[in-house]
Protein backbone atom coordinates (compact mmCIF):
# COMPACT_ATOMS: atom_id res chain seq x y z
CA MET A 1 149.99 223.12 167.33
CA LEU A 2 149.77 224.88 163.98
CA ARG A 3 152.91 226.32 162.49
CA PRO A 4 152.66 229.90 161.31
CA THR A 5 152.64 230.35 157.58
CA LEU A 6 155.61 232.29 156.29
CA ARG A 7 154.55 234.68 153.57
CA PRO A 8 157.29 236.22 151.49
CA THR A 9 157.08 239.98 151.55
CA VAL A 10 158.70 242.49 149.25
CA ALA A 11 160.42 245.50 150.72
CA GLY A 12 160.02 248.84 149.01
CA TRP A 13 163.65 248.96 147.92
CA GLN A 14 163.21 245.62 146.12
CA LEU A 15 160.41 246.80 143.83
CA PRO A 16 162.57 248.20 141.00
CA TYR A 17 164.64 245.01 140.96
CA LEU A 18 161.52 242.86 141.02
CA ARG A 19 160.03 244.81 138.12
CA VAL A 20 163.19 244.37 136.06
CA ALA A 21 163.36 240.66 136.87
CA LEU A 22 159.73 240.06 135.89
CA ILE A 23 160.07 241.96 132.62
CA LEU A 24 163.29 240.16 131.71
CA ARG A 25 161.71 236.80 132.52
CA ARG A 26 158.77 237.60 130.25
CA LEU A 27 161.05 238.78 127.46
CA GLU A 28 163.09 235.57 127.72
CA ALA A 29 159.89 233.53 127.49
CA GLU A 30 159.02 235.34 124.26
CA PRO A 31 161.93 234.53 121.92
CA ARG A 32 161.10 237.21 119.39
CA LEU A 33 161.47 240.79 120.50
CA GLN A 34 158.81 242.96 119.02
CA ALA A 35 159.05 246.74 118.92
CA ARG A 36 157.11 246.98 122.17
CA GLY A 37 159.41 244.48 123.89
CA ARG A 38 162.52 246.32 122.80
CA ARG A 39 161.04 249.62 123.96
CA GLU A 40 160.07 248.10 127.32
CA LEU A 41 163.54 246.64 127.79
CA ALA A 42 165.11 249.99 126.93
CA ASN A 43 162.89 251.68 129.52
CA VAL A 44 163.88 249.16 132.17
CA LEU A 45 167.56 249.66 131.46
CA ARG A 46 167.16 253.44 131.47
CA ILE A 47 165.33 253.39 134.81
CA ASP A 48 167.90 251.01 136.29
CA ALA A 49 170.75 253.28 135.19
CA SER A 50 169.08 256.40 136.59
CA VAL A 51 168.36 254.67 139.90
CA ARG A 52 171.99 253.60 140.20
CA ARG A 53 173.19 257.10 139.29
CA ALA A 54 170.99 258.50 142.03
CA GLY A 55 172.68 256.08 144.44
CA TRP A 56 169.41 254.88 145.95
CA PHE A 57 169.73 251.12 145.77
CA ASN A 58 173.46 250.55 146.15
């Protein structure tokens, strides 16, 4: 009998956290922060703060 394959799924509420985690992982892999990297990190932090202020993902 074949065992069913478990495929990890991402819930909608996890998407902002996943996006932040992937961007931070990429920025850690690139030791030097260029202007684009700093801007992207600032955008992630701004979005994260606004999402928390809205109380959506608490």
